[in-house]
């Protein structure tokens, strides 16, 4: 038995994408093939930040993310953007086979907008020429939503020696603003926060510092148990916290993880929106 996969990345956040019709232990598959030392190698980069198991019905995509530790995450912003690109490419290929003239068109049937069903709820995606945007839900600072092991929001309070703000943008996040993300030892400071008692389900830990564009970002990701080159839910978390504590004016914030630049909109009366590029890296087959 072999499993077909495609590989995509959103600003460096890379994923193996597989069809949901395969009878596979996806947790074990992710542990084996996402490993950065021994996992699948595509386009010179070994392993991945997760496995996206997708199914497509019309303009609806069902998405499940399996992380390198074998667990799952309810939501992933860059993963959802990659899922939208995968769906658009599949529909364009189908449309081209049925209507050859569609090969030079804008994308064919349903190839521009998708509803993506995730464990965190439905997310709407729009595929453009250069960027893909995804609705990310409304960021929540409510203790029950994060969740927190307390009844009050956690806003700019000390956690393991760092000033932390906690929120949920599809998954739990802890945001720490510093002078310069590049000079902070993320690998040393993040695990104690990620496992702090106040986070009963753990949390992704995000560093942010001011930049000419907006904010630079580094993220230690729960489930990956290390730093990733980009984190979409983390970028939204940084933008939402910056707005809440008065570091920015308006709804739009630029956030730059190591893998590229992301645009985040955090309106007062609707879901946050994440947008940025997605790249197709390759495809192949592998034993499960």
C-alpha atoms as a PDB file:
ATOM      1  CA  UNK A   1       0.000   0.000   0.000  1.00  0.00           C
ATOM      2  CA  UNK A   2       1.221   3.501  -0.802  1.00  0.00           C
ATOM      3  CA  UNK A   3      -0.225   6.884   0.121  1.00  0.00           C
ATOM      4  CA  UNK A   4      -0.159   9.718  -2.407  1.00  0.00           C
ATOM      5  CA  UNK A   5       0.699  13.145  -1.041  1.00  0.00           C
ATOM      6  CA  UNK A   6       1.272  16.702  -2.154  1.00  0.00           C
ATOM      7  CA  UNK A   7       3.377  19.212  -0.256  1.00  0.00           C
ATOM      8  CA  UNK A   8       2.613  22.916   0.181  1.00  0.00           C
ATOM      9  CA  UNK A   9       3.881  25.682   2.393  1.00  0.00           C
ATOM     10  CA  UNK A  10       2.449  28.987   3.531  1.00  0.00           C
ATOM     11  CA  UNK A  11       5.294  31.406   4.355  1.00  0.00           C
ATOM     12  CA  UNK A  12       7.460  28.435   5.270  1.00  0.00           C
ATOM     13  CA  UNK A  13       4.823  26.590   7.318  1.00  0.00           C
ATOM     14  CA  UNK A  14       4.877  23.296   5.393  1.00  0.00           C
ATOM     15  CA  UNK A  15       2.365  20.461   5.196  1.00  0.00           C
ATOM     16  CA  UNK A  16       1.941  17.067   3.604  1.00  0.00           C
ATOM     17  CA  UNK A  17      -1.564  16.887   2.114  1.00  0.00           C
ATOM     18  CA  UNK A  18      -3.297  13.529   1.725  1.00  0.00           C
ATOM     19  CA  UNK A  19      -6.778  12.438   0.725  1.00  0.00           C
ATOM     20  CA  UNK A  20      -9.150  11.400   3.499  1.00  0.00           C
ATOM     21  CA  UNK A  21     -10.243   8.286   1.579  1.00  0.00           C
ATOM     22  CA  UNK A  22      -7.063   6.419   2.581  1.00  0.00           C
ATOM     23  CA  UNK A  23      -7.424   3.951   5.503  1.00  0.00           C
ATOM     24  CA  UNK A  24      -4.372   5.136   7.431  1.00  0.00           C
ATOM     25  CA  UNK A  25      -3.392   5.715  11.044  1.00  0.00           C
ATOM     26  CA  UNK A  26      -2.766   9.396  10.433  1.00  0.00           C
ATOM     27  CA  UNK A  27      -1.249  10.069  13.832  1.00  0.00           C
ATOM     28  CA  UNK A  28       1.415   7.425  13.250  1.00  0.00           C
ATOM     29  CA  UNK A  29       1.850   8.644   9.661  1.00  0.00           C
ATOM     30  CA  UNK A  30       2.556  12.170  10.912  1.00  0.00           C
ATOM     31  CA  UNK A  31       5.055  10.986  13.518  1.00  0.00           C
ATOM     32  CA  UNK A  32       7.042   9.084  10.906  1.00  0.00           C
ATOM     33  CA  UNK A  33       6.902  11.361   7.892  1.00  0.00           C
ATOM     34  CA  UNK A  34       6.987  14.832   9.486  1.00  0.00           C
ATOM     35  CA  UNK A  35      10.253  14.143  11.295  1.00  0.00           C
ATOM     36  CA  UNK A  36      12.826  16.786  10.304  1.00  0.00           C
ATOM     37  CA  UNK A  37      15.667  14.270  10.372  1.00  0.00           C
ATOM     38  CA  UNK A  38      14.125  11.165   8.801  1.00  0.00           C
ATOM     39  CA  UNK A  39      10.815  12.266   7.241  1.00  0.00           C
ATOM     40  CA  UNK A  40       9.764  12.793   3.644  1.00  0.00           C
ATOM     41  CA  UNK A  41      12.088  15.037   1.640  1.00  0.00           C
ATOM     42  CA  UNK A  42      10.565  17.336  -0.973  1.00  0.00           C
ATOM     43  CA  UNK A  43      12.388  20.123  -2.793  1.00  0.00           C
ATOM     44  CA  UNK A  44      15.396  19.851  -0.497  1.00  0.00           C
ATOM     45  CA  UNK A  45      13.475  20.136   2.793  1.00  0.00           C
ATOM     46  CA  UNK A  46      12.863  17.077   4.960  1.00  0.00           C
ATOM     47  CA  UNK A  47       9.810  16.552   7.140  1.00  0.00           C
ATOM     48  CA  UNK A  48       6.874  18.904   7.663  1.00  0.00           C
ATOM     49  CA  UNK A  49       4.975  20.876  10.285  1.00  0.00           C
ATOM     50  CA  UNK A  50       1.990  18.572   9.913  1.00  0.00           C
ATOM     51  CA  UNK A  51      -0.208  16.352   7.762  1.00  0.00           C
ATOM     52  CA  UNK A  52      -3.426  17.808   6.365  1.00  0.00           C
ATOM     53  CA  UNK A  53      -6.013  15.122   5.651  1.00  0.00           C
ATOM     54  CA  UNK A  54      -8.509  16.623   3.234  1.00  0.00           C
ATOM     55  CA  UNK A  55     -11.666  15.742   1.357  1.00  0.00           C
ATOM     56  CA  UNK A  56     -13.384  17.900  -1.252  1.00  0.00           C
ATOM     57  CA  UNK A  57     -17.084  18.018  -2.052  1.00  0.00           C
ATOM     58  CA  UNK A  58     -18.091  20.791  -4.427  1.00  0.00           C
ATOM     59  CA  UNK A  59     -16.789  23.959  -2.814  1.00  0.00           C
ATOM     60  CA  UNK A  60     -16.463  22.487   0.696  1.00  0.00           C
ATOM     61  CA  UNK A  61     -13.227  21.117   2.092  1.00  0.00           C
ATOM     62  CA  UNK A  62     -13.061  18.977   5.208  1.00  0.00           C
ATOM     63  CA  UNK A  63      -9.721  19.475   6.947  1.00  0.00           C
ATOM     64  CA  UNK A  64      -8.026  17.600   9.762  1.00  0.00           C
ATOM     65  CA  UNK A  65      -4.496  18.443  10.906  1.00  0.00           C
ATOM     66  CA  UNK A  66      -2.215  15.817  12.417  1.00  0.00           C
ATOM     67  CA  UNK A  67       0.889  17.217  14.070  1.00  0.00           C
ATOM     68  CA  UNK A  68       4.400  15.769  14.228  1.00  0.00           C
ATOM     69  CA  UNK A  69       3.769  14.376  17.726  1.00  0.00           C
ATOM     70  CA  UNK A  70       0.775  12.382  16.415  1.00  0.00           C
ATOM     71  CA  UNK A  71      -1.826  14.636  17.992  1.00  0.00           C
ATOM     72  CA  UNK A  72      -4.323  16.915  16.293  1.00  0.00           C
ATOM     73  CA  UNK A  73      -4.993  20.654  16.265  1.00  0.00           C
ATOM     74  CA  UNK A  74      -8.433  22.184  15.867  1.00  0.00           C
ATOM     75  CA  UNK A  75      -7.285  24.938  13.520  1.00  0.00           C
ATOM     76  CA  UNK A  76      -4.264  26.058  11.525  1.00  0.00           C
ATOM     77  CA  UNK A  77      -4.368  29.293   9.543  1.00  0.00           C
ATOM     78  CA  UNK A  78      -1.550  28.550   7.118  1.00  0.00           C
ATOM     79  CA  UNK A  79      -2.754  24.959   6.834  1.00  0.00           C
ATOM     80  CA  UNK A  80      -6.229  26.152   5.885  1.00  0.00           C
ATOM     81  CA  UNK A  81      -4.730  28.465   3.269  1.00  0.00           C
ATOM     82  CA  UNK A  82      -2.753  25.523   1.860  1.00  0.00           C
ATOM     83  CA  UNK A  83      -5.944  23.448   1.862  1.00  0.00           C
ATOM     84  CA  UNK A  84      -7.698  26.141  -0.177  1.00  0.00           C
ATOM     85  CA  UNK A  85      -4.886  26.168  -2.735  1.00  0.00           C
ATOM     86  CA  UNK A  86      -4.983  22.363  -2.938  1.00  0.00           C
ATOM     87  CA  UNK A  87      -8.752  22.452  -3.525  1.00  0.00           C
ATOM     88  CA  UNK A  88      -8.462  25.182  -6.148  1.00  0.00           C
ATOM     89  CA  UNK A  89      -5.801  23.250  -8.055  1.00  0.00           C
ATOM     90  CA  UNK A  90      -7.907  20.079  -8.002  1.00  0.00           C
ATOM     91  CA  UNK A  91     -11.019  21.851  -9.262  1.00  0.00           C
ATOM     92  CA  UNK A  92      -9.055  23.624 -11.957  1.00  0.00           C
ATOM     93  CA  UNK A  93      -7.673  20.289 -13.180  1.00  0.00           C
ATOM     94  CA  UNK A  94     -11.179  18.808 -13.204  1.00  0.00           C
ATOM     95  CA  UNK A  95     -12.564  21.830 -15.026  1.00  0.00           C
ATOM     96  CA  UNK A  96      -9.754  21.775 -17.571  1.00  0.00           C
ATOM     97  CA  UNK A  97     -10.447  18.132 -18.382  1.00  0.00           C
ATOM     98  CA  UNK A  98     -14.160  18.833 -18.814  1.00  0.00           C
ATOM     99  CA  UNK A  99     -13.738  22.228 -20.541  1.00  0.00           C
ATOM    100  CA  UNK A 100     -10.273  22.684 -22.102  1.00  0.00           C
ATOM    101  CA  UNK A 101     -10.890  26.409 -22.582  1.00  0.00           C
ATOM    102  CA  UNK A 102     -10.895  26.785 -18.771  1.00  0.00           C
ATOM    103  CA  UNK A 103      -7.140  26.188 -18.703  1.00  0.00           C
ATOM    104  CA  UNK A 104      -6.558  29.868 -19.426  1.00  0.00           C
ATOM    105  CA  UNK A 105      -9.453  31.150 -17.357  1.00  0.00           C
ATOM    106  CA  UNK A 106      -9.714  32.436 -13.810  1.00  0.00           C
ATOM    107  CA  UNK A 107      -9.888  29.032 -12.201  1.00  0.00           C
ATOM    108  CA  UNK A 108     -13.065  27.300 -13.260  1.00  0.00           C
ATOM    109  CA  UNK A 109     -15.880  25.929 -11.135  1.00  0.00           C
ATOM    110  CA  UNK A 110     -15.635  26.827  -7.478  1.00  0.00           C
ATOM    111  CA  UNK A 111     -11.924  27.538  -7.741  1.00  0.00           C
ATOM    112  CA  UNK A 112     -11.978  30.940  -6.061  1.00  0.00           C
ATOM    113  CA  UNK A 113     -13.886  30.556  -2.777  1.00  0.00           C
ATOM    114  CA  UNK A 114     -14.230  27.619  -0.406  1.00  0.00           C
ATOM    115  CA  UNK A 115     -15.819  26.700   2.890  1.00  0.00           C
ATOM    116  CA  UNK A 116     -13.330  24.755   4.998  1.00  0.00           C
ATOM    117  CA  UNK A 117     -14.757  22.584   7.767  1.00  0.00           C
ATOM    118  CA  UNK A 118     -12.362  22.305  10.723  1.00  0.00           C
ATOM    119  CA  UNK A 119     -12.832  21.104  14.322  1.00  0.00           C
ATOM    120  CA  UNK A 120     -12.792  24.804  15.265  1.00  0.00           C
ATOM    121  CA  UNK A 121     -15.733  25.504  12.934  1.00  0.00           C
ATOM    122  CA  UNK A 122     -16.301  26.579   9.346  1.00  0.00           C
ATOM    123  CA  UNK A 123     -13.731  28.930   7.829  1.00  0.00           C
ATOM    124  CA  UNK A 124     -14.220  30.756   4.520  1.00  0.00           C
ATOM    125  CA  UNK A 125     -11.247  30.973   2.142  1.00  0.00           C
ATOM    126  CA  UNK A 126     -10.633  33.036  -0.978  1.00  0.00           C
ATOM    127  CA  UNK A 127      -7.943  32.131  -3.515  1.00  0.00           C
ATOM    128  CA  UNK A 128      -6.395  35.074  -5.365  1.00  0.00           C
ATOM    129  CA  UNK A 129      -3.597  35.326  -7.897  1.00  0.00           C
ATOM    130  CA  UNK A 130      -0.853  36.030  -5.358  1.00  0.00           C
ATOM    131  CA  UNK A 131      -2.399  35.494  -1.949  1.00  0.00           C
ATOM    132  CA  UNK A 132      -4.908  33.275  -0.217  1.00  0.00           C
ATOM    133  CA  UNK A 133      -7.011  34.622   2.616  1.00  0.00           C
ATOM    134  CA  UNK A 134      -8.860  32.695   5.271  1.00  0.00           C
ATOM    135  CA  UNK A 135     -11.410  33.795   7.847  1.00  0.00           C
ATOM    136  CA  UNK A 136     -10.020  32.857  11.246  1.00  0.00           C
ATOM    137  CA  UNK A 137     -12.967  33.312  13.568  1.00  0.00           C
ATOM    138  CA  UNK A 138     -13.217  35.924  16.308  1.00  0.00           C
ATOM    139  CA  UNK A 139     -10.200  35.915  18.675  1.00  0.00           C
ATOM    140  CA  UNK A 140     -11.285  35.234  22.242  1.00  0.00           C
ATOM    141  CA  UNK A 141      -9.591  36.259  25.485  1.00  0.00           C
ATOM    142  CA  UNK A 142     -12.260  34.510  27.574  1.00  0.00           C
ATOM    143  CA  UNK A 143     -10.708  32.056  30.068  1.00  0.00           C
ATOM    144  CA  UNK A 144     -13.064  29.216  29.117  1.00  0.00           C
ATOM    145  CA  UNK A 145     -12.212  29.625  25.437  1.00  0.00           C
ATOM    146  CA  UNK A 146      -8.409  29.728  25.709  1.00  0.00           C
ATOM    147  CA  UNK A 147      -8.737  27.659  28.019  1.00  0.00           C
ATOM    148  CA  UNK A 148      -7.200  28.938  31.248  1.00  0.00           C
ATOM    149  CA  UNK A 149      -7.115  27.346  34.679  1.00  0.00           C
ATOM    150  CA  UNK A 150      -8.661  30.515  36.149  1.00  0.00           C
ATOM    151  CA  UNK A 151     -11.792  32.613  35.800  1.00  0.00           C
ATOM    152  CA  UNK A 152     -10.198  35.914  34.751  1.00  0.00           C
ATOM    153  CA  UNK A 153      -8.599  36.803  31.392  1.00  0.00           C
ATOM    154  CA  UNK A 154      -4.806  36.728  31.310  1.00  0.00           C
ATOM    155  CA  UNK A 155      -3.712  40.124  29.971  1.00  0.00           C
ATOM    156  CA  UNK A 156      -0.088  41.245  30.341  1.00  0.00           C
ATOM    157  CA  UNK A 157       0.623  39.158  33.442  1.00  0.00           C
ATOM    158  CA  UNK A 158       3.712  37.308  34.553  1.00  0.00           C
ATOM    159  CA  UNK A 159       3.966  33.679  33.460  1.00  0.00           C
ATOM    160  CA  UNK A 160       7.300  31.986  34.063  1.00  0.00           C
ATOM    161  CA  UNK A 161       9.054  35.347  34.204  1.00  0.00           C
ATOM    162  CA  UNK A 162       7.565  36.827  30.995  1.00  0.00           C
ATOM    163  CA  UNK A 163       4.697  39.264  30.422  1.00  0.00           C
ATOM    164  CA  UNK A 164       2.080  37.096  28.714  1.00  0.00           C
ATOM    165  CA  UNK A 165      -1.318  37.695  27.158  1.00  0.00           C
ATOM    166  CA  UNK A 166      -3.452  34.620  26.448  1.00  0.00           C
ATOM    167  CA  UNK A 167      -6.147  34.096  23.829  1.00  0.00           C
ATOM    168  CA  UNK A 168      -7.637  31.562  21.450  1.00  0.00           C
ATOM    169  CA  UNK A 169      -7.484  32.097  17.674  1.00  0.00           C
ATOM    170  CA  UNK A 170      -8.577  28.546  16.842  1.00  0.00           C
ATOM    171  CA  UNK A 171      -6.002  27.073  19.240  1.00  0.00           C
ATOM    172  CA  UNK A 172      -4.542  28.455  22.503  1.00  0.00           C
ATOM    173  CA  UNK A 173      -1.823  31.107  22.254  1.00  0.00           C
ATOM    174  CA  UNK A 174       0.454  32.962  24.644  1.00  0.00           C
ATOM    175  CA  UNK A 175       1.823  36.226  23.231  1.00  0.00           C
ATOM    176  CA  UNK A 176       4.957  37.931  24.550  1.00  0.00           C
ATOM    177  CA  UNK A 177       6.184  41.290  23.202  1.00  0.00           C
ATOM    178  CA  UNK A 178       9.963  41.827  23.302  1.00  0.00           C
ATOM    179  CA  UNK A 179      12.393  44.395  21.936  1.00  0.00           C
ATOM    180  CA  UNK A 180      13.855  42.022  19.320  1.00  0.00           C
ATOM    181  CA  UNK A 181      12.634  38.508  18.561  1.00  0.00           C
ATOM    182  CA  UNK A 182      15.990  37.585  17.017  1.00  0.00           C
ATOM    183  CA  UNK A 183      17.905  38.040  20.278  1.00  0.00           C
ATOM    184  CA  UNK A 184      15.480  36.116  22.505  1.00  0.00           C
ATOM    185  CA  UNK A 185      16.177  32.439  23.215  1.00  0.00           C
ATOM    186  CA  UNK A 186      12.791  31.070  22.165  1.00  0.00           C
ATOM    187  CA  UNK A 187      13.872  27.469  22.706  1.00  0.00           C
ATOM    188  CA  UNK A 188      14.656  28.185  26.348  1.00  0.00           C
ATOM    189  CA  UNK A 189      11.825  30.524  27.335  1.00  0.00           C
ATOM    190  CA  UNK A 190       8.894  28.955  25.470  1.00  0.00           C
ATOM    191  CA  UNK A 191       8.565  25.417  26.946  1.00  0.00           C
ATOM    192  CA  UNK A 192       7.930  26.600  30.534  1.00  0.00           C
ATOM    193  CA  UNK A 193       5.163  28.895  29.270  1.00  0.00           C
ATOM    194  CA  UNK A 194       3.771  26.238  26.912  1.00  0.00           C
ATOM    195  CA  UNK A 195       3.452  23.831  29.896  1.00  0.00           C
ATOM    196  CA  UNK A 196       2.503  26.403  32.564  1.00  0.00           C
ATOM    197  CA  UNK A 197      -0.280  25.367  34.955  1.00  0.00           C
ATOM    198  CA  UNK A 198      -2.453  28.258  33.779  1.00  0.00           C
ATOM    199  CA  UNK A 199      -2.717  26.504  30.371  1.00  0.00           C
ATOM    200  CA  UNK A 200      -4.373  23.120  31.101  1.00  0.00           C
ATOM    201  CA  UNK A 201      -4.250  22.166  27.402  1.00  0.00           C
ATOM    202  CA  UNK A 202      -0.915  23.864  26.731  1.00  0.00           C
ATOM    203  CA  UNK A 203      -0.388  26.834  24.437  1.00  0.00           C
ATOM    204  CA  UNK A 204       1.582  27.974  21.441  1.00  0.00           C
ATOM    205  CA  UNK A 205       4.103  30.612  22.488  1.00  0.00           C
ATOM    206  CA  UNK A 206       4.602  33.663  20.256  1.00  0.00           C
ATOM    207  CA  UNK A 207       7.299  36.295  20.422  1.00  0.00           C
ATOM    208  CA  UNK A 208       6.614  39.630  18.725  1.00  0.00           C
ATOM    209  CA  UNK A 209       8.685  42.778  18.308  1.00  0.00           C
ATOM    210  CA  UNK A 210       8.032  46.020  16.395  1.00  0.00           C
ATOM    211  CA  UNK A 211       9.312  46.255  12.822  1.00  0.00           C
ATOM    212  CA  UNK A 212       9.056  48.705   9.934  1.00  0.00           C
ATOM    213  CA  UNK A 213       6.129  46.702   8.513  1.00  0.00           C
ATOM    214  CA  UNK A 214       4.374  45.917  11.772  1.00  0.00           C
ATOM    215  CA  UNK A 215       5.650  43.083  13.950  1.00  0.00           C
ATOM    216  CA  UNK A 216       8.242  40.368  13.587  1.00  0.00           C
ATOM    217  CA  UNK A 217       7.113  36.959  14.824  1.00  0.00           C
ATOM    218  CA  UNK A 218       8.633  33.765  16.143  1.00  0.00           C
ATOM    219  CA  UNK A 219       6.487  30.849  17.344  1.00  0.00           C
ATOM    220  CA  UNK A 220       7.105  27.762  19.445  1.00  0.00           C
ATOM    221  CA  UNK A 221       4.267  25.497  18.366  1.00  0.00           C
ATOM    222  CA  UNK A 222       2.437  23.049  20.578  1.00  0.00           C
ATOM    223  CA  UNK A 223       2.407  19.598  18.933  1.00  0.00           C
ATOM    224  CA  UNK A 224       5.484  20.412  16.875  1.00  0.00           C
ATOM    225  CA  UNK A 225       7.320  21.059  20.160  1.00  0.00           C
ATOM    226  CA  UNK A 226       9.696  23.443  18.494  1.00  0.00           C
ATOM    227  CA  UNK A 227       9.907  26.591  16.412  1.00  0.00           C
ATOM    228  CA  UNK A 228       8.114  26.762  13.072  1.00  0.00           C
ATOM    229  CA  UNK A 229       8.934  29.123  10.213  1.00  0.00           C
ATOM    230  CA  UNK A 230       5.421  30.525  10.340  1.00  0.00           C
ATOM    231  CA  UNK A 231       2.195  30.189  12.339  1.00  0.00           C
ATOM    232  CA  UNK A 232      -1.023  31.693  11.009  1.00  0.00           C
ATOM    233  CA  UNK A 233      -3.060  31.420  14.197  1.00  0.00           C
ATOM    234  CA  UNK A 234      -0.049  32.916  15.984  1.00  0.00           C
ATOM    235  CA  UNK A 235       0.084  35.873  13.588  1.00  0.00           C
ATOM    236  CA  UNK A 236      -3.603  36.528  14.269  1.00  0.00           C
ATOM    237  CA  UNK A 237      -2.947  36.230  18.005  1.00  0.00           C
ATOM    238  CA  UNK A 238      -0.162  38.837  17.823  1.00  0.00           C
ATOM    239  CA  UNK A 239      -2.371  41.228  15.844  1.00  0.00           C
ATOM    240  CA  UNK A 240      -5.320  40.769  18.203  1.00  0.00           C
ATOM    241  CA  UNK A 241      -3.210  41.349  21.310  1.00  0.00           C
ATOM    242  CA  UNK A 242      -1.466  44.372  19.765  1.00  0.00           C
ATOM    243  CA  UNK A 243      -4.867  45.891  19.068  1.00  0.00           C
ATOM    244  CA  UNK A 244      -6.235  45.048  22.514  1.00  0.00           C
ATOM    245  CA  UNK A 245      -3.355  46.609  24.451  1.00  0.00           C
ATOM    246  CA  UNK A 246      -3.104  49.659  22.209  1.00  0.00           C
ATOM    247  CA  UNK A 247       0.079  48.987  20.251  1.00  0.00           C
ATOM    248  CA  UNK A 248      -1.649  49.578  16.897  1.00  0.00           C
ATOM    249  CA  UNK A 249      -4.426  51.711  15.505  1.00  0.00           C
ATOM    250  CA  UNK A 250      -6.952  50.370  13.046  1.00  0.00           C
ATOM    251  CA  UNK A 251      -7.821  46.842  12.035  1.00  0.00           C
ATOM    252  CA  UNK A 252      -4.932  45.839   9.753  1.00  0.00           C
ATOM    253  CA  UNK A 253      -1.585  44.552  11.030  1.00  0.00           C
ATOM    254  CA  UNK A 254       1.430  43.170   9.135  1.00  0.00           C
ATOM    255  CA  UNK A 255       3.124  40.248  10.859  1.00  0.00           C
ATOM    256  CA  UNK A 256       6.409  38.779   9.608  1.00  0.00           C
ATOM    257  CA  UNK A 257       7.443  35.295  10.734  1.00  0.00           C
ATOM    258  CA  UNK A 258      10.801  33.943   9.492  1.00  0.00           C
ATOM    259  CA  UNK A 259       9.145  32.413   6.419  1.00  0.00           C
ATOM    260  CA  UNK A 260       7.615  35.577   4.947  1.00  0.00           C
ATOM    261  CA  UNK A 261       5.009  38.284   5.444  1.00  0.00           C
ATOM    262  CA  UNK A 262       1.384  37.870   6.483  1.00  0.00           C
ATOM    263  CA  UNK A 263      -1.444  40.388   6.546  1.00  0.00           C
ATOM    264  CA  UNK A 264      -3.973  40.227   9.385  1.00  0.00           C
ATOM    265  CA  UNK A 265      -7.254  42.101   9.745  1.00  0.00           C
ATOM    266  CA  UNK A 266      -8.900  42.168  13.174  1.00  0.00           C
ATOM    267  CA  UNK A 267     -12.215  44.040  12.861  1.00  0.00           C
ATOM    268  CA  UNK A 268     -14.319  45.011  15.853  1.00  0.00           C
ATOM    269  CA  UNK A 269     -17.456  43.301  14.564  1.00  0.00           C
ATOM    270  CA  UNK A 270     -16.411  40.157  12.708  1.00  0.00           C
ATOM    271  CA  UNK A 271     -13.890  37.382  12.241  1.00  0.00           C
ATOM    272  CA  UNK A 272     -10.199  38.025  11.830  1.00  0.00           C
ATOM    273  CA  UNK A 273      -8.806  37.442   8.330  1.00  0.00           C
ATOM    274  CA  UNK A 274      -5.345  36.083   7.524  1.00  0.00           C
ATOM    275  CA  UNK A 275      -3.807  36.448   4.072  1.00  0.00           C
ATOM    276  CA  UNK A 276      -0.485  35.606   2.463  1.00  0.00           C
ATOM    277  CA  UNK A 277       1.180  33.471  -0.224  1.00  0.00           C
ATOM    278  CA  UNK A 278       1.064  29.688  -0.611  1.00  0.00           C
ATOM    279  CA  UNK A 279       3.534  27.623  -2.628  1.00  0.00           C
ATOM    280  CA  UNK A 280       3.219  24.117  -4.104  1.00  0.00           C
ATOM    281  CA  UNK A 281       6.425  22.161  -3.440  1.00  0.00           C
ATOM    282  CA  UNK A 282       5.825  18.780  -5.050  1.00  0.00           C
ATOM    283  CA  UNK A 283       4.082  15.432  -4.868  1.00  0.00           C
ATOM    284  CA  UNK A 284       4.918  11.789  -4.388  1.00  0.00           C
ATOM    285  CA  UNK A 285       3.972   8.475  -2.846  1.00  0.00           C
ATOM    286  CA  UNK A 286       5.116   6.882   0.396  1.00  0.00           C
ATOM    287  CA  UNK A 287       4.392   3.799   2.463  1.00  0.00           C
ATOM    288  CA  UNK A 288       2.148   4.604   5.456  1.00  0.00           C
END
